[in-house]
PDB file of N, CA and C in Angstrom:
ATOM      1  N   MET A   1      85.222  83.805 109.611  1.00  0.00           N
ATOM      2  CA  MET A   1      85.057  84.922 108.716  1.00  0.00           C
ATOM      3  C   MET A   1      83.630  85.420 108.843  1.00  0.00           C
ATOM      4  N   THR A   2      83.475  86.720 109.022  1.00  0.00           N
ATOM      5  CA  THR A   2      82.141  87.284 109.151  1.00  0.00           C
ATOM      6  C   THR A   2      81.685  87.822 107.811  1.00  0.00           C
ATOM      7  N   LEU A   3      80.380  87.747 107.597  1.00  0.00           N
ATOM      8  CA  LEU A   3      79.813  88.241 106.360  1.00  0.00           C
ATOM      9  C   LEU A   3      79.183  89.590 106.599  1.00  0.00           C
ATOM     10  N   GLY A   4      79.472  90.551 105.732  1.00  0.00           N
ATOM     11  CA  GLY A   4      78.907  91.886 105.825  1.00  0.00           C
ATOM     12  C   GLY A   4      77.554  91.940 105.143  1.00  0.00           C
ATOM     13  N   ALA A   5      77.142  93.136 104.785  1.00  0.00           N
ATOM     14  CA  ALA A   5      75.851  93.326 104.124  1.00  0.00           C
ATOM     15  C   ALA A   5      75.875  92.668 102.754  1.00  0.00           C
ATOM     16  N   GLY A   6      74.823  91.954 102.437  1.00  0.00           N
ATOM     17  CA  GLY A   6      74.715  91.331 101.126  1.00  0.00           C
ATOM     18  C   GLY A   6      75.542  90.072 100.981  1.00  0.00           C
ATOM     19  N   GLY A   7      76.100  89.542 102.067  1.00  0.00           N
ATOM     20  CA  GLY A   7      76.843  88.303 102.010  1.00  0.00           C
ATOM     21  C   GLY A   7      78.297  88.458 101.592  1.00  0.00           C
ATOM     22  N   CYS A   8      78.831  89.649 101.578  1.00  0.00           N
ATOM     23  CA  CYS A   8      80.234  89.860 101.195  1.00  0.00           C
ATOM     24  C   CYS A   8      81.109  89.789 102.439  1.00  0.00           C
ATOM     25  N   ALA A   9      82.164  89.013 102.368  1.00  0.00           N
ATOM     26  CA  ALA A   9      83.047  88.853 103.516  1.00  0.00           C
ATOM     27  C   ALA A   9      84.019  90.015 103.615  1.00  0.00           C
ATOM     28  N   ASN A  10      84.267  90.464 104.824  1.00  0.00           N
ATOM     29  CA  ASN A  10      85.246  91.497 105.126  1.00  0.00           C
ATOM     30  C   ASN A  10      85.023  92.781 104.328  1.00  0.00           C
ATOM     31  N   VAL A  11      83.788  93.171 104.155  1.00  0.00           N
ATOM     32  CA  VAL A  11      83.458  94.379 103.428  1.00  0.00           C
ATOM     33  C   VAL A  11      82.508  95.185 104.296  1.00  0.00           C
ATOM     34  N   ALA A  12      82.752  96.503 104.383  1.00  0.00           N
ATOM     35  CA  ALA A  12      81.880  97.360 105.167  1.00  0.00           C
ATOM     36  C   ALA A  12      80.483  97.385 104.538  1.00  0.00           C
ATOM     37  N   SER A  13      79.487  97.664 105.343  1.00  0.00           N
ATOM     38  CA  SER A  13      78.123  97.652 104.837  1.00  0.00           C
ATOM     39  C   SER A  13      77.938  98.713 103.759  1.00  0.00           C
ATOM     40  N   GLY A  14      77.251  98.330 102.681  1.00  0.00           N
ATOM     41  CA  GLY A  14      76.990  99.247 101.593  1.00  0.00           C
ATOM     42  C   GLY A  14      78.115  99.348 100.584  1.00  0.00           C
ATOM     43  N   LYS A  15      79.176  98.576 100.728  1.00  0.00           N
ATOM     44  CA  LYS A  15      80.321  98.676  99.829  1.00  0.00           C
ATOM     45  C   LYS A  15      80.570  97.368  99.080  1.00  0.00           C
ATOM     46  N   CYS A  16      79.590  96.497  98.995  1.00  0.00           N
ATOM     47  CA  CYS A  16      79.802  95.155  98.460  1.00  0.00           C
ATOM     48  C   CYS A  16      80.236  95.153  97.004  1.00  0.00           C
ATOM     49  N   GLY A  17      79.493  95.805  96.093  1.00  0.00           N
ATOM     50  CA  GLY A  17      79.826  95.730  94.692  1.00  0.00           C
ATOM     51  C   GLY A  17      80.378  97.019  94.130  1.00  0.00           C
ATOM     52  N   GLU A  18      80.861  97.897  94.980  1.00  0.00           N
ATOM     53  CA  GLU A  18      81.252  99.226  94.537  1.00  0.00           C
ATOM     54  C   GLU A  18      82.563  99.227  93.754  1.00  0.00           C
ATOM     55  N   THR A  19      83.569  98.505  94.187  1.00  0.00           N
ATOM     56  CA  THR A  19      84.880  98.546  93.552  1.00  0.00           C
ATOM     57  C   THR A  19      84.869  97.955  92.145  1.00  0.00           C
ATOM     58  N   PRO A  20      84.268  96.807  91.890  1.00  0.00           N
ATOM     59  CA  PRO A  20      84.249  96.305  90.512  1.00  0.00           C
ATOM     60  C   PRO A  20      83.509  97.228  89.546  1.00  0.00           C
ATOM     61  N   VAL A  21      82.454  97.891  90.008  1.00  0.00           N
ATOM     62  CA  VAL A  21      81.710  98.794  89.140  1.00  0.00           C
ATOM     63  C   VAL A  21      82.561 100.012  88.804  1.00  0.00           C
ATOM     64  N   LYS A  22      83.265 100.547  89.780  1.00  0.00           N
ATOM     65  CA  LYS A  22      84.146 101.697  89.529  1.00  0.00           C
ATOM     66  C   LYS A  22      85.263 101.312  88.559  1.00  0.00           C
ATOM     67  N   THR A  23      85.805 100.122  88.723  1.00  0.00           N
ATOM     68  CA  THR A  23      86.869  99.668  87.835  1.00  0.00           C
ATOM     69  C   THR A  23      86.345  99.509  86.409  1.00  0.00           C
ATOM     70  N   LEU A  24      85.164  98.924  86.277  1.00  0.00           N
ATOM     71  CA  LEU A  24      84.574  98.751  84.953  1.00  0.00           C
ATOM     72  C   LEU A  24      84.310 100.096  84.288  1.00  0.00           C
ATOM     73  N   LEU A  25      83.773 101.056  85.040  1.00  0.00           N
ATOM     74  CA  LEU A  25      83.521 102.382  84.485  1.00  0.00           C
ATOM     75  C   LEU A  25      84.811 103.079  84.084  1.00  0.00           C
ATOM     76  N   ALA A  26      85.876 102.904  84.868  1.00  0.00           N
ATOM     77  CA  ALA A  26      87.165 103.508  84.514  1.00  0.00           C
ATOM     78  C   ALA A  26      87.722 102.895  83.240  1.00  0.00           C
ATOM     79  N   ILE A  27      87.607 101.590  83.096  1.00  0.00           N
ATOM     80  CA  ILE A  27      88.122 100.929  81.888  1.00  0.00           C
ATOM     81  C   ILE A  27      87.314 101.336  80.661  1.00  0.00           C
ATOM     82  N   VAL A  28      85.987 101.373  80.785  1.00  0.00           N
ATOM     83  CA  VAL A  28      85.148 101.779  79.660  1.00  0.00           C
ATOM     84  C   VAL A  28      85.413 103.242  79.298  1.00  0.00           C
ATOM     85  N   GLY A  29      85.566 104.092  80.291  1.00  0.00           N
ATOM     86  CA  GLY A  29      85.876 105.502  80.030  1.00  0.00           C
ATOM     87  C   GLY A  29      87.216 105.682  79.348  1.00  0.00           C
ATOM     88  N   TRP A  30      88.213 104.897  79.780  1.00  0.00           N
ATOM     89  CA  TRP A  30      89.523 104.995  79.147  1.00  0.00           C
ATOM     90  C   TRP A  30      89.475 104.478  77.712  1.00  0.00           C
ATOM     91  N   CYS A  31      88.744 103.406  77.465  1.00  0.00           N
ATOM     92  CA  CYS A  31      88.605 102.887  76.091  1.00  0.00           C
ATOM     93  C   CYS A  31      87.893 103.897  75.198  1.00  0.00           C
ATOM     94  N   LEU A  32      86.897 104.573  75.735  1.00  0.00           N
ATOM     95  CA  LEU A  32      86.209 105.614  74.981  1.00  0.00           C
ATOM     96  C   LEU A  32      87.161 106.762  74.671  1.00  0.00           C
ATOM     97  N   LEU A  33      87.947 107.174  75.666  1.00  0.00           N
ATOM     98  CA  LEU A  33      88.935 108.225  75.437  1.00  0.00           C
ATOM     99  C   LEU A  33      89.994 107.772  74.442  1.00  0.00           C
ATOM    100  N   LEU A  34      90.369 106.507  74.484  1.00  0.00           N
ATOM    101  CA  LEU A  34      91.350 105.978  73.536  1.00  0.00           C
ATOM    102  C   LEU A  34      90.814 106.031  72.110  1.00  0.00           C
ATOM    103  N   SER A  35      89.538 105.753  71.948  1.00  0.00           N
ATOM    104  CA  SER A  35      88.981 105.778  70.594  1.00  0.00           C
ATOM    105  C   SER A  35      88.777 107.205  70.090  1.00  0.00           C
ATOM    106  N   LEU A  36      88.554 108.164  71.000  1.00  0.00           N
ATOM    107  CA  LEU A  36      88.338 109.545  70.576  1.00  0.00           C
ATOM    108  C   LEU A  36      89.639 110.333  70.405  1.00  0.00           C
ATOM    109  N   CYS A  37      90.549 110.180  71.352  1.00  0.00           N
ATOM    110  CA  CYS A  37      91.794 110.950  71.324  1.00  0.00           C
ATOM    111  C   CYS A  37      92.888 110.121  71.988  1.00  0.00           C
ATOM    112  N   TRP A  38      93.593 109.301  71.199  1.00  0.00           N
ATOM    113  CA  TRP A  38      94.549 108.367  71.771  1.00  0.00           C
ATOM    114  C   TRP A  38      95.737 109.032  72.466  1.00  0.00           C
ATOM    115  N   PRO A  39      96.240 110.206  72.022  1.00  0.00           N
ATOM    116  CA  PRO A  39      97.356 110.799  72.795  1.00  0.00           C
ATOM    117  C   PRO A  39      96.949 111.198  74.214  1.00  0.00           C
ATOM    118  N   LEU A  40      95.724 111.698  74.355  1.00  0.00           N
ATOM    119  CA  LEU A  40      95.232 112.069  75.688  1.00  0.00           C
ATOM    120  C   LEU A  40      95.045 110.833  76.569  1.00  0.00           C
ATOM    121  N   ALA A  41      94.594 109.732  75.983  1.00  0.00           N
ATOM    122  CA  ALA A  41      94.414 108.494  76.736  1.00  0.00           C
ATOM    123  C   ALA A  41      95.761 107.943  77.212  1.00  0.00           C
ATOM    124  N   ILE A  42      96.778 107.983  76.348  1.00  0.00           N
ATOM    125  CA  ILE A  42      98.114 107.521  76.744  1.00  0.00           C
ATOM    126  C   ILE A  42      98.703 108.430  77.812  1.00  0.00           C
ATOM    127  N   LEU A  43      98.490 109.750  77.679  1.00  0.00           N
ATOM    128  CA  LEU A  43      98.968 110.698  78.688  1.00  0.00           C
ATOM    129  C   LEU A  43      98.292 110.442  80.036  1.00  0.00           C
ATOM    130  N   ALA A  44      96.994 110.167  80.006  1.00  0.00           N
ATOM    131  CA  ALA A  44      96.276 109.863  81.245  1.00  0.00           C
ATOM    132  C   ALA A  44      96.801 108.580  81.875  1.00  0.00           C
ATOM    133  N   LEU A  45      97.117 107.604  81.043  1.00  0.00           N
ATOM    134  CA  LEU A  45      97.649 106.334  81.543  1.00  0.00           C
ATOM    135  C   LEU A  45      99.018 106.513  82.181  1.00  0.00           C
ATOM    136  N   VAL A  46      99.833 107.394  81.620  1.00  0.00           N
ATOM    137  CA  VAL A  46     101.185 107.634  82.147  1.00  0.00           C
ATOM    138  C   VAL A  46     101.136 108.491  83.413  1.00  0.00           C
ATOM    139  N   LEU A  47     100.230 109.465  83.452  1.00  0.00           N
ATOM    140  CA  LEU A  47     100.176 110.384  84.587  1.00  0.00           C
ATOM    141  C   LEU A  47      99.398 109.844  85.787  1.00  0.00           C
ATOM    142  N   TRP A  48      98.596 108.792  85.597  1.00  0.00           N
ATOM    143  CA  TRP A  48      97.762 108.286  86.688  1.00  0.00           C
ATOM    144  C   TRP A  48      98.558 107.866  87.934  1.00  0.00           C
ATOM    145  N   PRO A  49      99.716 107.191  87.818  1.00  0.00           N
ATOM    146  CA  PRO A  49     100.472 106.866  89.040  1.00  0.00           C
ATOM    147  C   PRO A  49     100.949 108.091  89.810  1.00  0.00           C
ATOM    148  N   PHE A  50     101.270 109.163  89.099  1.00  0.00           N
ATOM    149  CA  PHE A  50     101.703 110.392  89.780  1.00  0.00           C
ATOM    150  C   PHE A  50     100.544 111.061  90.501  1.00  0.00           C
ATOM    151  N   VAL A  51      99.373 111.019  89.900  1.00  0.00           N
ATOM    152  CA  VAL A  51      98.176 111.561  90.559  1.00  0.00           C
ATOM    153  C   VAL A  51      97.862 110.745  91.811  1.00  0.00           C
ATOM    154  N   TRP A  52      98.011 109.427  91.706  1.00  0.00           N
ATOM    155  CA  TRP A  52      97.778 108.557  92.862  1.00  0.00           C
ATOM    156  C   TRP A  52      98.771 108.872  93.993  1.00  0.00           C
ATOM    157  N   LEU A  53     100.037 109.080  93.634  1.00  0.00           N
ATOM    158  CA  LEU A  53     101.042 109.420  94.648  1.00  0.00           C
ATOM    159  C   LEU A  53     100.749 110.763  95.307  1.00  0.00           C
ATOM    160  N   LEU A  54     100.280 111.728  94.528  1.00  0.00           N
ATOM    161  CA  LEU A  54      99.943 113.030  95.098  1.00  0.00           C
ATOM    162  C   LEU A  54      98.717 112.959  96.006  1.00  0.00           C
ATOM    163  N   SER A  55      97.827 111.996  95.771  1.00  0.00           N
ATOM    164  CA  SER A  55      96.619 111.894  96.591  1.00  0.00           C
ATOM    165  C   SER A  55      96.858 111.161  97.914  1.00  0.00           C
ATOM    166  N   LEU A  56      97.979 110.472  98.046  1.00  0.00           N
ATOM    167  CA  LEU A  56      98.232 109.703  99.278  1.00  0.00           C
ATOM    168  C   LEU A  56      98.235 110.553 100.552  1.00  0.00           C
ATOM    169  N   PRO A  57      98.894 111.722 100.585  1.00  0.00           N
ATOM    170  CA  PRO A  57      98.834 112.512 101.831  1.00  0.00           C
ATOM    171  C   PRO A  57      97.419 112.927 102.204  1.00  0.00           C
ATOM    172  N   PHE A  58      96.596 113.217 101.211  1.00  0.00           N
ATOM    173  CA  PHE A  58      95.219 113.601 101.504  1.00  0.00           C
ATOM    174  C   PHE A  58      94.417 112.418 102.037  1.00  0.00           C
ATOM    175  N   ARG A  59      94.695 111.231 101.538  1.00  0.00           N
ATOM    176  CA  ARG A  59      94.029 110.038 102.077  1.00  0.00           C
ATOM    177  C   ARG A  59      94.450 109.801 103.525  1.00  0.00           C
ATOM    178  N   MET A  60      95.737 109.975 103.800  1.00  0.00           N
ATOM    179  CA  MET A  60      96.210 109.801 105.178  1.00  0.00           C
ATOM    180  C   MET A  60      95.574 110.839 106.101  1.00  0.00           C
ATOM    181  N   LEU A  61      95.424 112.061 105.611  1.00  0.00           N
ATOM    182  CA  LEU A  61      94.770 113.098 106.398  1.00  0.00           C
ATOM    183  C   LEU A  61      93.306 112.744 106.661  1.00  0.00           C
ATOM    184  N   ALA A  62      92.627 112.198 105.667  1.00  0.00           N
ATOM    185  CA  ALA A  62      91.230 111.797 105.844  1.00  0.00           C
ATOM    186  C   ALA A  62      91.105 110.661 106.853  1.00  0.00           C
ATOM    187  N   ILE A  63      92.017 109.700 106.805  1.00  0.00           N
ATOM    188  CA  ILE A  63      92.005 108.595 107.778  1.00  0.00           C
ATOM    189  C   ILE A  63      92.238 109.126 109.180  1.00  0.00           C
ATOM    190  N   THR A  64      93.145 110.092 109.313  1.00  0.00           N
ATOM    191  CA  THR A  64      93.442 110.679 110.624  1.00  0.00           C
ATOM    192  C   THR A  64      92.225 111.401 111.174  1.00  0.00           C
ATOM    193  N   PHE A  65      91.567 112.218 110.335  1.00  0.00           N
ATOM    194  CA  PHE A  65      90.377 112.924 110.797  1.00  0.00           C
ATOM    195  C   PHE A  65      89.258 111.950 111.152  1.00  0.00           C
ATOM    196  N   ASP A  66      89.114 110.897 110.394  1.00  0.00           N
ATOM    197  CA  ASP A  66      88.103 109.890 110.701  1.00  0.00           C
ATOM    198  C   ASP A  66      88.367 109.255 112.058  1.00  0.00           C
ATOM    199  N   ALA A  67      89.630 108.956 112.333  1.00  0.00           N
ATOM    200  CA  ALA A  67      89.982 108.355 113.623  1.00  0.00           C
ATOM    201  C   ALA A  67      89.747 109.332 114.769  1.00  0.00           C
ATOM    202  N   VAL A  68      90.073 110.605 114.570  1.00  0.00           N
ATOM    203  CA  VAL A  68      89.868 111.608 115.622  1.00  0.00           C
ATOM    204  C   VAL A  68      88.383 111.762 115.917  1.00  0.00           C
ATOM    205  N   PHE A  69      87.552 111.819 114.867  1.00  0.00           N
ATOM    206  CA  PHE A  69      86.117 111.961 115.101  1.00  0.00           C
ATOM    207  C   PHE A  69      85.518 110.701 115.728  1.00  0.00           C
ATOM    208  N   ALA A  70      86.038 109.545 115.394  1.00  0.00           N
ATOM    209  CA  ALA A  70      85.564 108.312 116.034  1.00  0.00           C
ATOM    210  C   ALA A  70      85.923 108.313 117.523  1.00  0.00           C
ATOM    211  N   LEU A  71      87.110 108.794 117.849  1.00  0.00           N
ATOM    212  CA  LEU A  71      87.513 108.892 119.256  1.00  0.00           C
ATOM    213  C   LEU A  71      86.631 109.886 120.005  1.00  0.00           C
ATOM    214  N   LEU A  72      86.377 111.035 119.398  1.00  0.00           N
ATOM    215  CA  LEU A  72      85.511 112.023 120.050  1.00  0.00           C
ATOM    216  C   LEU A  72      84.094 111.483 120.246  1.00  0.00           C
ATOM    217  N   ARG A  73      83.588 110.762 119.261  1.00  0.00           N
ATOM    218  CA  ARG A  73      82.254 110.172 119.393  1.00  0.00           C
ATOM    219  C   ARG A  73      82.229 109.143 120.512  1.00  0.00           C
ATOM    220  N   ALA A  74      83.272 108.330 120.586  1.00  0.00           N
ATOM    221  CA  ALA A  74      83.333 107.324 121.644  1.00  0.00           C
ATOM    222  C   ALA A  74      83.400 107.983 123.017  1.00  0.00           C
ATOM    223  N   LEU A  75      84.155 109.077 123.129  1.00  0.00           N
ATOM    224  CA  LEU A  75      84.241 109.772 124.413  1.00  0.00           C
ATOM    225  C   LEU A  75      82.925 110.447 124.790  1.00  0.00           C
ATOM    226  N   LEU A  76      82.237 111.020 123.804  1.00  0.00           N
ATOM    227  CA  LEU A  76      80.973 111.692 124.097  1.00  0.00           C
ATOM    228  C   LEU A  76      79.864 110.706 124.470  1.00  0.00           C
ATOM    229  N   PHE A  77      79.869 109.528 123.876  1.00  0.00           N
ATOM    230  CA  PHE A  77      78.829 108.543 124.163  1.00  0.00           C
ATOM    231  C   PHE A  77      79.205 107.580 125.280  1.00  0.00           C
ATOM    232  N   LEU A  78      80.381 107.740 125.863  1.00  0.00           N
ATOM    233  CA  LEU A  78      80.804 106.849 126.943  1.00  0.00           C
ATOM    234  C   LEU A  78      79.858 106.883 128.141  1.00  0.00           C
ATOM    235  N   PRO A  79      79.408 108.064 128.616  1.00  0.00           N
ATOM    236  CA  PRO A  79      78.478 108.039 129.763  1.00  0.00           C
ATOM    237  C   PRO A  79      77.185 107.278 129.478  1.00  0.00           C
ATOM    238  N   SER A  80      76.633 107.430 128.287  1.00  0.00           N
ATOM    239  CA  SER A  80      75.385 106.718 127.997  1.00  0.00           C
ATOM    240  C   SER A  80      75.629 105.219 127.881  1.00  0.00           C
ATOM    241  N   ARG A  81      76.772 104.830 127.370  1.00  0.00           N
ATOM    242  CA  ARG A  81      77.074 103.392 127.291  1.00  0.00           C
ATOM    243  C   ARG A  81      77.297 102.811 128.686  1.00  0.00           C
ATOM    244  N   LEU A  82      77.894 103.600 129.571  1.00  0.00           N
ATOM    245  CA  LEU A  82      78.096 103.123 130.940  1.00  0.00           C
ATOM    246  C   LEU A  82      76.765 102.960 131.667  1.00  0.00           C
ATOM    247  N   LEU A  83      75.780 103.776 131.296  1.00  0.00           N
ATOM    248  CA  LEU A  83      74.461 103.680 131.914  1.00  0.00           C
ATOM    249  C   LEU A  83      73.590 102.601 131.277  1.00  0.00           C
ATOM    250  N   GLY A  84      74.061 101.942 130.243  1.00  0.00           N
ATOM    251  CA  GLY A  84      73.354 100.798 129.698  1.00  0.00           C
ATOM    252  C   GLY A  84      72.667 101.010 128.372  1.00  0.00           C
ATOM    253  N   TYR A  85      72.754 102.180 127.753  1.00  0.00           N
ATOM    254  CA  TYR A  85      72.118 102.401 126.455  1.00  0.00           C
ATOM    255  C   TYR A  85      72.943 101.726 125.369  1.00  0.00           C
ATOM    256  N   ARG A  86      72.264 100.920 124.537  1.00  0.00           N
ATOM    257  CA  ARG A  86      72.976 100.199 123.487  1.00  0.00           C
ATOM    258  C   ARG A  86      72.570 100.639 122.093  1.00  0.00           C
ATOM    259  N   GLY A  87      71.540 101.408 121.920  1.00  0.00           N
ATOM    260  CA  GLY A  87      71.129 101.878 120.595  1.00  0.00           C
ATOM    261  C   GLY A  87      70.328 100.843 119.838  1.00  0.00           C
ATOM    262  N   ASN A  88      69.890 101.199 118.639  1.00  0.00           N
ATOM    263  CA  ASN A  88      69.065 100.327 117.815  1.00  0.00           C
ATOM    264  C   ASN A  88      69.889  99.305 117.039  1.00  0.00           C
ATOM    265  N   SER A  89      71.180  99.507 116.919  1.00  0.00           N
ATOM    266  CA  SER A  89      71.996  98.607 116.101  1.00  0.00           C
ATOM    267  C   SER A  89      72.163  97.227 116.728  1.00  0.00           C
ATOM    268  N   MET A  90      71.877  97.082 117.993  1.00  0.00           N
ATOM    269  CA  MET A  90      72.026  95.784 118.652  1.00  0.00           C
ATOM    270  C   MET A  90      70.808  94.896 118.455  1.00  0.00           C
ATOM    271  N   GLY A  91      69.719  95.436 117.891  1.00  0.00           N
ATOM    272  CA  GLY A  91      68.546  94.627 117.617  1.00  0.00           C
ATOM    273  C   GLY A  91      67.750  94.263 118.858  1.00  0.00           C
ATOM    274  N   ARG A  92      67.592  95.193 119.780  1.00  0.00           N
ATOM    275  CA  ARG A  92      66.822  94.935 120.991  1.00  0.00           C
ATOM    276  C   ARG A  92      65.356  94.737 120.655  1.00  0.00           C
ATOM    277  N   ALA A  93      64.755  93.744 121.258  1.00  0.00           N
ATOM    278  CA  ALA A  93      63.322  93.479 121.051  1.00  0.00           C
ATOM    279  C   ALA A  93      62.519  94.367 121.976  1.00  0.00           C
ATOM    280  N   SER A  94      61.418  94.891 121.452  1.00  0.00           N
ATOM    281  CA  SER A  94      60.568  95.771 122.274  1.00  0.00           C
ATOM    282  C   SER A  94      59.668  94.953 123.164  1.00  0.00           C
TER     283      SER A  94
END
């Protein structure tokens, strides 16, 4: 198992503590909405799965565009990689 940034396993760099914080903020926001206007909070709770289902095609489209741009980047940088350029991410010593 490899460790990412900050010692988190299987997590992309910069994303170590992001999901728990978002979840905590969503729960606190919903509790605040529940205390201010409980019918709106219940409506939000009921409608959230439908909003999630509607967002799935857009997520798939974003994943597709990300893959296409990664392929284009790999094709554009292929000549430089064939010539031996490795970039700064490999930690080459000067």
